[in-house]
Amino acid sequence: MTNKILIIGLGAGDLDQLPLGVYKKLKQEKNLFLRTKEHPVVTDLEKEGLQFQSFDEVYEKHDQFEDVYEEITEFLLTESAKAPVTYAVPGHPLIAERTVQLLLERGPKQDTEIEIGGGQSFLDAMFQSLAIDPIEGFQLLDGTALSKEDLLLKSHTIIGQVYDAFVASDVKLTLMEKLPDDYDVFIVTAAGSSNEVIKKVPLFELDREMELSNLTSVYVPPVIDEKILYKDFLKLRGIISELRGPDGCPWDKKQTHQSLKKYLIEESYELLEAIDNEDIDHMIEELGDVLLQVMLHAQIGEDDGYFTIDDVIEGISAKMVRRHPHVFGDVTAENEEDVLKNWQEIKEKEKGGAIKSLLEGAGKGLPNLLKAYELQKEAAKVGFDWKTAAPILDKVKEEIDELSEEITEKGIQEDIELEYGDLLFALVNFARHYGINPEEALNKTNRKFMRRFAYIEQKAAENGQAVEEYTLDELDAFWEEAKTQGL
């Protein structure tokens, strides 16, 4: 390689903090480029006659930081083909410097040697100024690309690249998704230098207190209050583990996959009811109850040594990516039909091409009313279905007659159950042809029954009597009143 770029760091603060070796390189370099001249070291060195070219104007040209970094990188690579280049950045070249990473990636591909010449990291000064030990748990995040998923609330968190109030506003809003509005954070500017400023502010005032500076970071102390951590998935996982642990809850410890089955069904139906009622608060609560069942099953799997919640998450993540190539791959899906077709084809490939019944897996795990619906729907795909609803209604009548005959003539309980099942199956088929979900229809009827029965109870209470003290005809009269009132 003949081309060369030497990258050095200007440190975290003023000239007194600058390593001697870096100082000498800056003083002797004739082809010097600065990512930004807005740095205390540059101000001091300018008085000593430092000659340089900065990229501050590039920042003003672009709306996105990535475009800025792209232009700087390509410019430096082009200049290095003419003569060796020295590129100086704030702090240390390998900490929070996107242009340096781009140069390290692209330099070798363009026969350009990239040398890291040292510099002092702002992190050393931050640790000293804030008196924190990173071994307790530490993370460094980029304020220009902060995501709530990145946050480890129990660790010391330093957020760099908080250049101005706009970045600070985005940082504030992201932090407020996990932390209380009044959580104390620290704005640290020029850490370790003679101009160091550390300001403690409540989170909601973060962007109001920010000033334009390339030397400003935000420090978020570890969360100690357990209630704040309730939003954190790891906290939930720890709670479930403790419930099943040696000193946990006797009820939770004795549960098995089998014993929990009924609770999963119950919680799922309670969630469906909250959805039907458009009750957001109860949806949140019931979704939590369903998630609790998932977590308990996963914890049992972990306790037994078979699987963990990580395996569950990995499996569903892989499946979603695999079955959505139109989102995560290069497959095109113009509409919902294309999506479903792709899904089915991928699903068949996953089965390995083995010949299986069309109905195998249809309605798997569903209550039997819904399973009947799914079985019929699958069979209809290959033409095993009536074309119209009329013969289905005849079939319903036929099943009613057969059920009546079984009851009056034979009275064998098992056969009565079979005939009753045939009737329900025929009714489900009738519903399917009219676009009716039998489960939802029955749910609506159940709720209607509950409303009208509650009206009967209310009328009885108003009259100072118990419901059982009324005759059936009197109760029917109350029922009819409820109907007339639209209940």
Protein backbone atom coordinates (compact mmCIF):
# COMPACT_ATOMS: atom_id res chain seq x y z
CA MET A 1 0.00 0.00 0.00
CA THR A 2 1.29 3.48 -0.87
CA ASN A 3 -1.59 5.64 0.36
CA LYS A 4 -1.80 6.37 4.08
CA ILE A 5 -4.14 8.02 6.57
CA LEU A 6 -2.98 8.56 10.15
CA ILE A 7 -5.87 9.04 12.58
CA ILE A 8 -5.24 10.70 15.94
CA GLY A 9 -7.51 11.75 18.78
CA LEU A 10 -7.77 15.25 20.24
CA GLY A 11 -8.80 13.92 23.63
CA ALA A 12 -11.75 14.76 25.82
CA GLY A 13 -10.85 18.25 26.97
CA ASP A 14 -8.17 20.93 26.82
CA LEU A 15 -4.53 20.97 25.81
CA ASP A 16 -3.29 19.87 29.25
CA GLN A 17 -4.95 16.48 28.73
CA LEU A 18 -3.43 15.89 25.29
CA PRO A 19 -0.78 13.09 25.19
CA LEU A 20 2.69 14.38 24.28
CA GLY A 21 2.99 12.06 21.27
CA VAL A 22 -0.28 13.31 19.80
CA TYR A 23 0.75 16.91 20.45
CA LYS A 24 3.99 16.42 18.49
CA LYS A 25 2.19 14.83 15.54
CA LEU A 26 -0.29 17.70 15.38
CA LYS A 27 2.47 20.29 15.50
CA GLN A 28 4.56 18.72 12.73
CA GLU A 29 1.75 17.67 10.38
CA LYS A 30 1.29 19.79 7.25
CA ASN A 31 -1.62 17.88 5.65
CA LEU A 32 -4.00 17.93 8.63
CA PHE A 33 -7.77 17.50 8.50
CA LEU A 34 -10.13 17.89 11.47
CA ARG A 35 -13.58 16.38 11.72
CA THR A 36 -14.49 19.57 13.59
CA LYS A 37 -12.54 22.58 14.79
CA GLU A 38 -15.03 23.08 17.66
CA HIS A 39 -12.70 21.64 20.28
CA PRO A 40 -10.68 23.28 23.12
CA VAL A 41 -7.40 21.71 21.92
CA VAL A 42 -7.82 23.25 18.49
CA THR A 43 -8.45 26.67 20.01
CA ASP A 44 -5.19 26.43 21.97
CA LEU A 45 -3.16 25.06 19.05
CA GLU A 46 -4.39 27.75 16.67
CA LYS A 47 -2.58 30.24 18.92
CA GLU A 48 0.57 28.22 18.25
CA GLY A 49 0.08 28.51 14.49
CA LEU A 50 -1.58 25.14 13.79
CA GLN A 51 -2.59 24.79 10.12
CA PHE A 52 -5.55 22.55 9.24
CA GLN A 53 -8.70 22.08 7.21
CA SER A 54 -11.95 21.16 9.02
CA PHE A 55 -15.14 19.46 7.85
CA ASP A 56 -17.55 21.70 9.75
CA GLU A 57 -19.01 22.97 6.50
CA VAL A 58 -19.91 19.40 5.52
CA TYR A 59 -22.22 19.18 8.54
CA GLU A 60 -24.10 22.22 7.31
CA LYS A 61 -24.63 20.67 3.85
CA HIS A 62 -26.46 17.53 5.00
CA ASP A 63 -29.53 16.74 7.09
CA GLN A 64 -28.39 13.22 8.01
CA PHE A 65 -25.21 12.42 9.93
CA GLU A 66 -24.59 9.34 7.79
CA ASP A 67 -24.32 11.56 4.69
CA VAL A 68 -21.79 13.73 6.52
CA TYR A 69 -19.68 10.70 7.45
CA GLU A 70 -19.85 9.37 3.88
CA GLU A 71 -18.55 12.61 2.37
CA ILE A 72 -15.72 12.94 4.91
CA THR A 73 -14.64 9.34 4.36
CA GLU A 74 -14.57 9.54 0.58
CA PHE A 75 -12.78 12.89 0.66
CA LEU A 76 -10.01 11.57 2.91
CA LEU A 77 -9.53 8.45 0.80
CA THR A 78 -9.24 10.60 -2.32
CA GLU A 79 -6.75 13.00 -0.68
CA SER A 80 -4.61 10.14 0.62
CA ALA A 81 -3.96 9.11 -2.98
CA LYS A 82 -2.19 12.45 -3.50
CA ALA A 83 -0.20 12.54 -0.24
CA PRO A 84 -0.23 11.04 3.27
CA VAL A 85 -3.06 12.48 5.36
CA THR A 86 -3.48 13.05 9.10
CA TYR A 87 -7.05 13.06 10.32
CA ALA A 88 -7.84 14.30 13.86
CA VAL A 89 -11.08 13.59 15.69
CA PRO A 90 -12.39 14.47 19.18
CA GLY A 91 -11.64 11.93 21.93
CA HIS A 92 -10.10 8.62 20.88
CA PRO A 93 -10.33 7.52 17.23
CA LEU A 94 -11.88 4.16 18.08
CA ILE A 95 -14.62 5.37 20.41
CA ALA A 96 -17.85 6.77 18.96
CA GLU A 97 -16.26 7.75 15.64
CA ARG A 98 -18.24 6.51 12.65
CA THR A 99 -15.88 8.03 10.06
CA VAL A 100 -12.98 6.05 11.53
CA GLN A 101 -14.93 2.81 11.23
CA LEU A 102 -15.73 3.62 7.60
CA LEU A 103 -12.09 4.34 6.88
CA LEU A 104 -10.96 1.09 8.51
CA GLU A 105 -13.51 -0.79 6.40
CA ARG A 106 -12.84 0.88 3.05
CA GLY A 107 -9.15 1.81 3.29
CA PRO A 108 -7.70 -1.65 2.61
CA LYS A 109 -10.06 -2.09 -0.36
CA GLN A 110 -8.56 1.05 -1.92
CA ASP A 111 -4.92 0.24 -1.10
CA THR A 112 -4.90 2.82 1.67
CA GLU A 113 -3.14 2.13 4.97
CA ILE A 114 -5.15 3.28 7.99
CA GLU A 115 -3.03 3.88 11.12
CA ILE A 116 -4.50 4.68 14.53
CA GLY A 117 -2.15 7.14 16.23
CA GLY A 118 -3.71 7.26 19.68
CA GLY A 119 -5.56 9.80 21.76
CA GLN A 120 -7.32 10.02 25.08
CA SER A 121 -10.84 8.66 25.39
CA PHE A 122 -13.48 10.85 26.98
CA LEU A 123 -14.60 7.76 28.92
CA ASP A 124 -11.62 7.87 31.30
CA ALA A 125 -12.44 11.46 32.16
CA MET A 126 -16.16 10.60 32.50
CA PHE A 127 -15.46 7.74 34.91
CA GLN A 128 -13.24 10.02 36.98
CA SER A 129 -15.59 13.00 36.99
CA LEU A 130 -18.65 10.92 37.86
CA ALA A 131 -16.75 8.63 40.25
CA ILE A 132 -18.19 5.44 38.72
CA ASP A 133 -16.62 2.02 38.27
CA PRO A 134 -17.57 0.46 34.89
CA ILE A 135 -17.00 -3.05 36.22
CA GLU A 136 -20.37 -2.70 37.97
CA GLY A 137 -21.97 -2.75 34.52
CA PHE A 138 -21.52 -0.12 31.84
CA GLN A 139 -22.76 0.71 28.37
CA LEU A 140 -21.87 3.45 25.88
CA LEU A 141 -24.65 4.42 23.47
CA ASP A 142 -24.96 6.76 20.50
CA GLY A 143 -27.42 9.60 21.14
CA THR A 144 -28.08 10.03 17.42
CA ALA A 145 -29.34 6.44 17.07
CA LEU A 146 -30.71 5.58 20.49
CA SER A 147 -33.32 2.84 20.86
CA LYS A 148 -35.16 1.83 24.02
CA GLU A 149 -34.21 -1.78 23.30
CA ASP A 150 -30.55 -0.81 23.79
CA LEU A 151 -31.03 0.33 27.37
CA LEU A 152 -29.75 -1.81 30.22
CA LEU A 153 -31.35 0.00 33.13
CA LYS A 154 -29.25 -1.63 35.85
CA SER A 155 -25.97 -0.49 34.25
CA HIS A 156 -24.12 2.81 34.24
CA THR A 157 -25.12 4.35 30.90
CA ILE A 158 -23.23 7.06 29.04
CA ILE A 159 -24.87 8.47 25.94
CA GLY A 160 -22.44 10.22 23.61
CA GLN A 161 -22.94 12.30 20.45
CA VAL A 162 -25.50 14.51 22.22
CA TYR A 163 -24.51 17.53 20.17
CA ASP A 164 -27.49 19.81 20.72
CA ALA A 165 -31.04 20.21 22.03
CA PHE A 166 -32.52 18.32 19.07
CA VAL A 167 -30.51 15.17 19.77
CA ALA A 168 -31.17 15.68 23.49
CA SER A 169 -34.90 15.79 22.81
CA ASP A 170 -34.79 12.43 21.01
CA VAL A 171 -32.69 10.98 23.82
CA LYS A 172 -35.13 12.31 26.41
CA LEU A 173 -38.19 10.81 24.67
CA THR A 174 -36.47 7.44 24.30
CA LEU A 175 -35.41 7.35 27.95
CA MET A 176 -38.90 8.37 29.07
CA GLU A 177 -40.28 5.19 27.52
CA LYS A 178 -38.43 3.29 30.24
CA LEU A 179 -37.80 5.79 33.02
CA PRO A 180 -39.97 8.19 35.07
CA ASP A 181 -40.16 11.76 33.78
CA ASP A 182 -38.40 13.08 36.90
CA TYR A 183 -35.56 10.53 36.91
CA ASP A 184 -32.25 12.33 37.59
CA VAL A 185 -29.70 12.30 34.76
CA PHE A 186 -26.43 14.20 34.35
CA ILE A 187 -25.27 16.45 31.51
CA VAL A 188 -21.46 16.30 31.37
CA THR A 189 -19.50 18.74 29.22
CA ALA A 190 -15.70 18.74 28.69
CA ALA A 191 -15.17 16.07 31.33
CA GLY A 192 -11.79 16.27 33.10
CA SER A 193 -10.85 19.62 31.59
CA SER A 194 -10.61 23.04 33.24
CA ASN A 195 -13.97 23.83 31.58
CA GLU A 196 -15.74 20.75 32.93
CA VAL A 197 -19.43 21.23 33.71
CA ILE A 198 -21.62 18.54 35.34
CA LYS A 199 -25.29 19.39 35.67
CA LYS A 200 -27.92 17.16 37.32
CA VAL A 201 -31.39 17.60 35.82
CA PRO A 202 -34.69 15.71 35.89
CA LEU A 203 -35.15 13.78 32.67
CA PHE A 204 -38.03 15.91 31.40
CA GLU A 205 -35.75 19.00 31.38
CA LEU A 206 -32.85 17.34 29.53
CA ASP A 207 -33.32 19.09 26.17
CA ARG A 208 -34.05 22.45 27.83
CA GLU A 209 -30.70 22.42 29.63
CA MET A 210 -28.55 21.40 26.65
CA GLU A 211 -26.10 23.71 24.92
CA LEU A 212 -24.41 23.22 21.55
CA SER A 213 -21.19 21.28 22.18
CA ASN A 214 -19.21 18.40 20.71
CA LEU A 215 -17.95 17.54 24.19
CA THR A 216 -21.30 16.85 25.86
CA SER A 217 -22.55 13.45 27.00
CA VAL A 218 -25.47 12.32 29.13
CA TYR A 219 -24.99 10.00 32.08
CA VAL A 220 -27.90 7.85 33.27
CA PRO A 221 -27.27 6.28 36.70
CA PRO A 222 -28.25 2.63 37.26
CA VAL A 223 -31.86 2.08 38.29
CA ILE A 224 -32.15 0.93 41.90
CA ASP A 225 -35.92 1.28 42.38
CA GLU A 226 -37.35 -2.18 41.59
CA LYS A 227 -40.70 -0.72 40.47
CA ILE A 228 -39.03 1.20 37.66
CA LEU A 229 -37.63 -2.10 36.40
CA TYR A 230 -41.11 -3.62 36.06
CA LYS A 231 -41.12 -2.58 32.39
CA ASP A 232 -37.95 -4.57 31.77
CA PHE A 233 -38.32 -8.08 30.33
CA LEU A 234 -35.32 -9.34 32.29
CA LYS A 235 -37.03 -8.24 35.49
CA LEU A 236 -40.14 -10.25 34.59
CA ARG A 237 -37.98 -13.27 33.82
CA GLY A 238 -36.31 -12.93 37.22
CA ILE A 239 -39.67 -12.68 39.01
CA ILE A 240 -40.97 -15.87 37.37
CA SER A 241 -37.72 -17.67 38.15
CA GLU A 242 -37.98 -16.62 41.79
CA LEU A 243 -41.61 -17.75 42.01
CA ARG A 244 -40.51 -21.21 40.87
CA GLY A 245 -37.30 -21.15 42.93
CA PRO A 246 -36.53 -22.94 46.23
CA ASP A 247 -37.97 -20.10 48.31
CA GLY A 248 -40.76 -19.31 45.85
CA CYS A 249 -44.52 -19.78 45.86
CA PRO A 250 -45.79 -23.31 46.75
CA TRP A 251 -48.54 -23.06 44.11
CA ASP A 252 -46.20 -21.94 41.31
CA LYS A 253 -43.59 -24.56 42.21
CA LYS A 254 -46.01 -27.47 41.86
CA GLN A 255 -47.40 -26.46 38.44
CA THR A 256 -46.71 -28.53 35.33
CA HIS A 257 -47.38 -28.03 31.63
CA GLN A 258 -50.50 -30.15 32.02
CA SER A 259 -51.84 -28.38 35.10
CA LEU A 260 -51.47 -24.97 33.46
CA LYS A 261 -53.38 -25.83 30.27
CA LYS A 262 -56.77 -24.74 31.59
CA TYR A 263 -55.40 -21.40 32.78
CA LEU A 264 -54.01 -20.59 29.34
CA ILE A 265 -57.43 -21.24 27.82
CA GLU A 266 -59.19 -19.16 30.47
CA GLU A 267 -56.80 -16.22 30.13
CA SER A 268 -57.05 -16.32 26.34
CA TYR A 269 -60.83 -16.08 26.47
CA GLU A 270 -60.68 -13.25 29.01
CA LEU A 271 -58.39 -11.42 26.58
CA LEU A 272 -60.88 -12.01 23.75
CA GLU A 273 -63.63 -10.56 25.91
CA ALA A 274 -61.55 -7.45 26.61
CA ILE A 275 -60.95 -7.08 22.86
CA ASP A 276 -64.67 -7.42 22.15
CA ASN A 277 -65.40 -4.77 24.78
CA GLU A 278 -62.67 -2.52 23.33
CA ASP A 279 -61.44 -2.16 26.90
CA ILE A 280 -57.79 -1.10 26.58
CA ASP A 281 -57.00 -1.27 30.30
CA HIS A 282 -58.30 -4.83 30.52
CA MET A 283 -56.53 -5.75 27.28
CA ILE A 284 -53.25 -4.73 28.90
CA GLU A 285 -54.09 -6.75 32.00
CA GLU A 286 -55.25 -9.83 30.10
CA LEU A 287 -52.30 -9.74 27.69
CA GLY A 288 -50.14 -9.75 30.79
CA ASP A 289 -51.98 -12.80 32.11
CA VAL A 290 -51.46 -14.62 28.80
CA LEU A 291 -47.78 -13.65 28.85
CA LEU A 292 -47.57 -14.97 32.41
CA GLN A 293 -48.70 -18.38 31.16
CA VAL A 294 -46.02 -18.33 28.45
CA MET A 295 -43.37 -17.38 31.00
CA LEU A 296 -44.47 -20.09 33.44
CA HIS A 297 -44.32 -22.77 30.74
CA ALA A 298 -40.88 -21.53 29.68
CA GLN A 299 -39.65 -21.54 33.28
CA ILE A 300 -40.90 -25.10 33.77
CA GLY A 301 -39.02 -26.04 30.60
CA GLU A 302 -35.88 -24.42 31.98
CA ASP A 303 -36.29 -26.03 35.41
CA ASP A 304 -36.66 -29.42 33.73
CA GLY A 305 -33.64 -28.77 31.51
CA TYR A 306 -35.50 -29.00 28.18
CA PHE A 307 -35.80 -25.40 26.94
CA THR A 308 -35.79 -21.76 28.03
CA ILE A 309 -37.66 -18.60 27.07
CA ASP A 310 -34.63 -17.80 24.88
CA ASP A 311 -35.39 -20.90 22.80
CA VAL A 312 -39.02 -19.81 22.49
CA ILE A 313 -38.03 -16.31 21.36
CA GLU A 314 -35.38 -17.64 18.98
CA GLY A 315 -37.86 -20.04 17.42
CA ILE A 316 -40.58 -17.47 16.75
CA SER A 317 -38.06 -14.85 15.56
CA ALA A 318 -36.55 -17.29 13.07
CA LYS A 319 -39.99 -18.41 11.89
CA MET A 320 -41.22 -14.84 11.33
CA VAL A 321 -38.13 -13.93 9.31
CA ARG A 322 -38.25 -17.22 7.37
CA ARG A 323 -41.94 -16.92 6.51
CA HIS A 324 -41.84 -13.24 5.57
CA PRO A 325 -39.30 -13.18 2.72
CA HIS A 326 -41.25 -10.25 1.23
CA VAL A 327 -40.20 -8.21 4.29
CA PHE A 328 -36.82 -9.67 5.25
CA GLY A 329 -35.74 -11.04 1.87
CA ASP A 330 -36.07 -10.33 -1.85
CA VAL A 331 -39.45 -11.98 -2.52
CA THR A 332 -42.25 -9.77 -3.83
CA ALA A 333 -45.77 -9.90 -2.38
CA GLU A 334 -48.26 -7.52 -3.98
CA ASN A 335 -51.24 -8.35 -1.77
CA GLU A 336 -52.54 -10.47 1.10
CA GLU A 337 -53.17 -13.43 -1.21
CA ASP A 338 -49.50 -13.48 -2.24
CA VAL A 339 -48.47 -13.38 1.41
CA LEU A 340 -50.69 -16.35 2.32
CA LYS A 341 -49.50 -18.31 -0.73
CA ASN A 342 -45.84 -17.72 0.16
CA TRP A 343 -46.55 -18.64 3.78
CA GLN A 344 -48.16 -21.94 2.79
CA GLU A 345 -45.38 -22.83 0.34
CA ILE A 346 -42.68 -22.14 2.92
CA LYS A 347 -44.64 -24.12 5.49
CA GLU A 348 -44.81 -27.12 3.14
CA LYS A 349 -41.05 -26.94 2.50
CA GLU A 350 -40.44 -26.94 6.24
CA LYS A 351 -42.35 -30.21 6.50
CA GLY A 352 -39.79 -31.79 4.18
CA GLY A 353 -42.25 -32.85 1.50
CA ALA A 354 -43.66 -35.76 3.52
CA ILE A 355 -47.13 -36.88 2.49
CA LYS A 356 -49.57 -35.97 5.23
CA SER A 357 -53.29 -35.63 5.53
CA LEU A 358 -54.65 -32.26 4.48
CA LEU A 359 -56.37 -32.04 7.84
CA GLU A 360 -53.30 -32.83 9.91
CA GLY A 361 -52.62 -29.84 12.10
CA ALA A 362 -55.80 -27.99 11.08
CA GLY A 363 -57.21 -26.22 14.13
CA LYS A 364 -54.38 -27.57 16.25
CA GLY A 365 -54.81 -26.57 19.88
CA LEU A 366 -58.11 -24.74 19.28
CA PRO A 367 -61.33 -25.38 21.21
CA ASN A 368 -63.35 -27.99 19.33
CA LEU A 369 -65.97 -25.55 18.02
CA LEU A 370 -63.23 -23.60 16.25
CA LYS A 371 -61.40 -26.77 15.28
CA ALA A 372 -64.53 -27.98 13.45
CA TYR A 373 -64.56 -24.66 11.59
CA GLU A 374 -60.90 -25.07 10.54
CA LEU A 375 -61.33 -28.72 9.52
CA GLN A 376 -64.24 -27.82 7.25
CA LYS A 377 -62.36 -24.88 5.78
CA GLU A 378 -59.38 -27.08 4.87
CA ALA A 379 -61.60 -29.77 3.33
CA ALA A 380 -63.41 -27.10 1.29
CA LYS A 381 -60.12 -26.14 -0.38
CA VAL A 382 -60.19 -29.40 -2.34
CA GLY A 383 -63.90 -29.22 -3.14
CA PHE A 384 -65.24 -31.34 -0.28
CA ASP A 385 -68.01 -28.88 0.49
CA TRP A 386 -71.56 -27.92 -0.46
CA LYS A 387 -71.83 -25.16 -3.04
CA THR A 388 -74.71 -23.42 -1.25
CA ALA A 389 -76.05 -23.20 2.29
CA ALA A 390 -79.47 -24.73 1.49
CA PRO A 391 -78.46 -28.42 1.72
CA ILE A 392 -76.53 -27.65 4.90
CA LEU A 393 -79.72 -26.42 6.55
CA ASP A 394 -81.38 -29.67 5.49
CA LYS A 395 -78.45 -31.50 7.07
CA VAL A 396 -78.97 -29.56 10.30
CA LYS A 397 -82.64 -30.61 10.36
CA GLU A 398 -81.62 -34.20 9.64
CA GLU A 399 -79.17 -34.19 12.57
CA ILE A 400 -81.86 -32.77 14.87
CA ASP A 401 -84.18 -35.61 13.90
CA GLU A 402 -81.44 -38.20 14.48
CA LEU A 403 -80.65 -36.69 17.87
CA SER A 404 -84.34 -36.75 18.84
CA GLU A 405 -84.66 -40.35 17.71
CA GLU A 406 -81.58 -41.37 19.70
CA ILE A 407 -82.95 -39.70 22.82
CA THR A 408 -86.51 -41.07 22.60
CA GLU A 409 -85.89 -44.56 21.25
CA LYS A 410 -82.53 -45.77 22.55
CA GLY A 411 -81.34 -43.36 25.23
CA ILE A 412 -77.70 -44.54 25.11
CA GLN A 413 -75.64 -41.66 26.49
CA GLU A 414 -72.58 -42.21 24.30
CA ASP A 415 -74.68 -42.34 21.13
CA ILE A 416 -76.59 -39.23 22.19
CA GLU A 417 -73.29 -37.40 22.58
CA LEU A 418 -72.21 -38.52 19.10
CA GLU A 419 -75.46 -37.31 17.52
CA TYR A 420 -75.24 -34.04 19.42
CA GLY A 421 -71.69 -33.61 18.11
CA ASP A 422 -72.93 -34.23 14.56
CA LEU A 423 -75.53 -31.49 15.06
CA LEU A 424 -72.94 -29.01 16.31
CA PHE A 425 -70.65 -29.91 13.39
CA ALA A 426 -73.47 -29.26 10.91
CA LEU A 427 -74.29 -25.93 12.59
CA VAL A 428 -70.66 -24.89 12.35
CA ASN A 429 -70.71 -25.70 8.63
CA PHE A 430 -73.85 -23.62 8.21
CA ALA A 431 -72.19 -20.70 10.02
CA ARG A 432 -69.08 -20.96 7.85
CA HIS A 433 -71.13 -20.61 4.65
CA TYR A 434 -72.59 -17.38 5.99
CA GLY A 435 -69.22 -15.99 7.08
CA ILE A 436 -70.07 -16.42 10.75
CA ASN A 437 -67.38 -17.34 13.24
CA PRO A 438 -69.20 -19.81 15.51
CA GLU A 439 -67.04 -18.99 18.51
CA GLU A 440 -67.70 -15.27 18.22
CA ALA A 441 -71.40 -15.86 17.61
CA LEU A 442 -71.69 -18.02 20.72
CA ASN A 443 -69.67 -15.48 22.68
CA LYS A 444 -72.10 -12.72 21.71
CA THR A 445 -75.04 -14.90 22.75
CA ASN A 446 -73.38 -15.69 26.07
CA ARG A 447 -72.87 -12.00 26.75
CA LYS A 448 -76.47 -11.25 25.76
CA PHE A 449 -77.68 -13.99 28.12
CA MET A 450 -75.58 -12.51 30.92
CA ARG A 451 -77.01 -9.00 30.34
CA ARG A 452 -80.60 -10.21 30.34
CA PHE A 453 -80.12 -12.46 33.36
CA ALA A 454 -78.52 -9.55 35.19
CA TYR A 455 -81.68 -7.57 34.41
CA ILE A 456 -83.80 -10.36 35.93
CA GLU A 457 -81.63 -10.27 39.07
CA GLN A 458 -81.95 -6.49 39.22
CA LYS A 459 -85.79 -6.61 38.97
CA ALA A 460 -85.95 -9.29 41.63
CA ALA A 461 -83.76 -7.20 43.95
CA GLU A 462 -85.93 -4.13 43.37
CA ASN A 463 -88.92 -6.16 44.52
CA GLY A 464 -87.06 -7.43 47.56
CA GLN A 465 -87.18 -11.08 46.46
CA ALA A 466 -84.63 -13.71 45.47
CA VAL A 467 -84.66 -14.90 41.86
CA GLU A 468 -85.54 -18.46 42.91
CA GLU A 469 -88.77 -17.21 44.54
CA TYR A 470 -90.26 -16.34 41.13
CA THR A 471 -91.99 -18.75 38.79
CA LEU A 472 -90.53 -19.46 35.38
CA ASP A 473 -93.35 -17.50 33.73
CA GLU A 474 -92.56 -14.48 35.90
CA LEU A 475 -88.88 -14.72 35.08
CA ASP A 476 -89.75 -15.01 31.39
CA ALA A 477 -91.71 -11.78 31.69
CA PHE A 478 -88.63 -10.01 33.04
CA TRP A 479 -86.63 -11.56 30.20
CA GLU A 480 -89.03 -10.13 27.62
CA GLU A 481 -88.71 -6.71 29.28
CA ALA A 482 -84.95 -6.94 28.91
CA LYS A 483 -85.39 -7.73 25.21
CA THR A 484 -87.65 -4.74 24.65
CA GLN A 485 -84.98 -2.52 26.26
CA GLY A 486 -82.39 -3.76 23.79
CA LEU A 487 -80.38 -5.77 26.30
